[in-house]
């Protein structure tokens, strides 16, 4: 970890540090949807990944947008483990020697395994942050 906390580096997780080792909730829902894959992914990005909590209302809205029955929504599905890309740990080690490193993700309530990330990336990554929708910051 850095001794100079005045420099902050943020990194995305999925596609940057590694890739999910298997299908997660969003991928399973997109596969179940009759929508074209690109449209289903857009529903995931705007209707699921931006939520701060996975409520029954969110489930109903996402299922309606995906045109799948709400009872088809996979519940209690653990996030797929992250498989780090080659060289990720070494790169994070080097960066963390000169800067504080944190993750900043657009996945907040599904497919995010913060504790798994912590065990994979500690001590090089100091913390893990979701990218909350703008309304989450309003008091």
Protein backbone atom coordinates (compact mmCIF):
# COMPACT_ATOMS: atom_id res chain seq x y z
CA UNK A 1 0.00 0.00 0.00
CA UNK A 2 1.06 3.52 -0.70
CA UNK A 3 2.63 5.87 1.80
CA UNK A 4 1.43 8.80 -0.35
CA UNK A 5 -2.37 8.83 -0.11
CA UNK A 6 -2.66 12.04 -2.18
CA UNK A 7 -2.85 10.02 -5.40
CA UNK A 8 -6.01 8.00 -5.98
CA UNK A 9 -6.46 5.44 -8.74
CA UNK A 10 -9.89 3.94 -9.43
CA UNK A 11 -10.34 0.78 -11.44
CA UNK A 12 -13.37 -1.01 -12.78
CA UNK A 13 -13.68 -4.70 -11.96
CA UNK A 14 -15.44 -6.71 -14.67
CA UNK A 15 -13.49 -6.67 -17.92
CA UNK A 16 -10.66 -4.65 -16.38
CA UNK A 17 -9.26 -6.74 -13.52
CA UNK A 18 -10.82 -10.01 -14.59
CA UNK A 19 -13.93 -11.75 -15.76
CA UNK A 20 -16.70 -13.67 -14.03
CA UNK A 21 -16.02 -17.40 -13.95
CA UNK A 22 -19.50 -18.46 -14.98
CA UNK A 23 -22.87 -16.85 -15.58
CA UNK A 24 -24.24 -14.49 -12.97
CA UNK A 25 -27.75 -13.27 -12.36
CA UNK A 26 -27.77 -10.69 -15.16
CA UNK A 27 -26.50 -13.18 -17.73
CA UNK A 28 -29.07 -15.79 -16.72
CA UNK A 29 -31.89 -13.27 -16.95
CA UNK A 30 -30.71 -12.01 -20.34
CA UNK A 31 -30.59 -15.60 -21.64
CA UNK A 32 -34.16 -16.22 -20.42
CA UNK A 33 -35.47 -13.10 -22.16
CA UNK A 34 -36.96 -13.20 -25.66
CA UNK A 35 -35.45 -9.75 -26.29
CA UNK A 36 -32.43 -9.37 -28.56
CA UNK A 37 -29.23 -9.81 -26.50
CA UNK A 38 -28.16 -6.15 -26.84
CA UNK A 39 -31.56 -4.93 -25.61
CA UNK A 40 -31.55 -7.39 -22.69
CA UNK A 41 -28.07 -6.18 -21.67
CA UNK A 42 -29.33 -2.58 -21.78
CA UNK A 43 -32.18 -3.54 -19.44
CA UNK A 44 -29.60 -5.08 -17.10
CA UNK A 45 -27.43 -1.94 -17.17
CA UNK A 46 -30.26 0.52 -16.59
CA UNK A 47 -32.82 -1.45 -14.61
CA UNK A 48 -30.83 -3.89 -12.51
CA UNK A 49 -27.19 -2.85 -12.10
CA UNK A 50 -28.07 0.68 -11.01
CA UNK A 51 -30.24 -0.43 -8.09
CA UNK A 52 -28.96 -0.13 -4.54
CA UNK A 53 -31.13 -3.03 -3.35
CA UNK A 54 -32.77 -6.00 -4.98
CA UNK A 55 -36.39 -5.50 -3.93
CA UNK A 56 -39.54 -7.24 -5.14
CA UNK A 57 -40.42 -4.04 -7.01
CA UNK A 58 -37.07 -4.11 -8.82
CA UNK A 59 -37.57 -7.80 -9.64
CA UNK A 60 -41.05 -7.13 -11.04
CA UNK A 61 -39.90 -4.14 -13.12
CA UNK A 62 -36.86 -5.93 -14.55
CA UNK A 63 -38.86 -9.05 -15.36
CA UNK A 64 -41.52 -6.97 -17.09
CA UNK A 65 -38.88 -5.13 -19.13
CA UNK A 66 -37.22 -8.44 -20.06
CA UNK A 67 -40.57 -10.09 -20.80
CA UNK A 68 -39.91 -12.98 -18.40
CA UNK A 69 -42.24 -14.13 -15.60
CA UNK A 70 -41.28 -12.84 -12.15
CA UNK A 71 -41.19 -16.39 -10.78
CA UNK A 72 -38.39 -17.14 -13.26
CA UNK A 73 -36.13 -14.61 -11.52
CA UNK A 74 -33.22 -16.55 -9.97
CA UNK A 75 -33.19 -15.85 -6.24
CA UNK A 76 -30.32 -16.59 -3.86
CA UNK A 77 -27.92 -17.03 -6.74
CA UNK A 78 -24.37 -16.37 -5.55
CA UNK A 79 -22.23 -14.11 -7.74
CA UNK A 80 -19.89 -15.93 -10.08
CA UNK A 81 -16.30 -15.83 -8.79
CA UNK A 82 -13.97 -13.35 -10.46
CA UNK A 83 -11.11 -14.86 -12.45
CA UNK A 84 -8.30 -12.31 -12.52
CA UNK A 85 -6.54 -11.59 -15.79
CA UNK A 86 -2.85 -12.56 -15.92
CA UNK A 87 -0.70 -9.83 -14.40
CA UNK A 88 -3.53 -8.16 -12.46
CA UNK A 89 -2.07 -8.73 -9.00
CA UNK A 90 1.39 -7.55 -10.07
CA UNK A 91 -0.07 -4.43 -11.71
CA UNK A 92 -2.13 -3.62 -8.61
CA UNK A 93 0.89 -4.21 -6.38
CA UNK A 94 2.96 -1.74 -8.42
CA UNK A 95 0.22 0.88 -8.61
CA UNK A 96 -0.54 0.59 -4.89
CA UNK A 97 3.11 1.35 -4.12
CA UNK A 98 2.58 4.91 -5.41
CA UNK A 99 -1.17 5.50 -5.07
CA UNK A 100 -4.26 4.46 -3.15
CA UNK A 101 -6.24 2.03 -5.33
CA UNK A 102 -10.01 1.53 -5.09
CA UNK A 103 -12.57 -0.14 -7.31
CA UNK A 104 -15.50 1.83 -8.68
CA UNK A 105 -18.13 -0.39 -10.22
CA UNK A 106 -21.49 0.13 -11.89
CA UNK A 107 -22.73 -3.12 -10.34
CA UNK A 108 -24.26 -2.46 -6.93
CA UNK A 109 -26.74 -5.10 -5.85
CA UNK A 110 -26.24 -8.10 -8.13
CA UNK A 111 -23.26 -9.95 -9.51
CA UNK A 112 -20.99 -8.05 -7.11
CA UNK A 113 -18.97 -10.12 -4.66
CA UNK A 114 -17.29 -7.48 -2.52
CA UNK A 115 -15.97 -9.96 0.06
CA UNK A 116 -14.57 -12.18 -2.69
CA UNK A 117 -12.88 -9.16 -4.25
CA UNK A 118 -11.48 -8.17 -0.87
CA UNK A 119 -9.89 -11.59 -0.41
CA UNK A 120 -8.47 -11.59 -3.97
CA UNK A 121 -7.16 -8.04 -4.05
CA UNK A 122 -6.11 -7.20 -0.50
CA UNK A 123 -3.83 -5.46 0.43
CA UNK A 124 -3.32 -3.76 -2.95
CA UNK A 125 -6.87 -2.42 -3.29
CA UNK A 126 -7.89 -0.30 -0.30
CA UNK A 127 -11.66 -0.33 -0.77
CA UNK A 128 -14.52 -1.26 -3.09
CA UNK A 129 -17.18 1.22 -4.11
CA UNK A 130 -20.38 0.85 -6.06
CA UNK A 131 -21.29 3.55 -8.53
CA UNK A 132 -24.68 4.58 -7.17
CA UNK A 133 -27.33 6.24 -9.31
CA UNK A 134 -27.54 10.01 -8.89
CA UNK A 135 -30.75 9.79 -6.83
CA UNK A 136 -29.00 7.68 -4.19
CA UNK A 137 -26.97 10.75 -3.17
CA UNK A 138 -30.00 12.98 -2.67
CA UNK A 139 -30.97 13.60 0.95
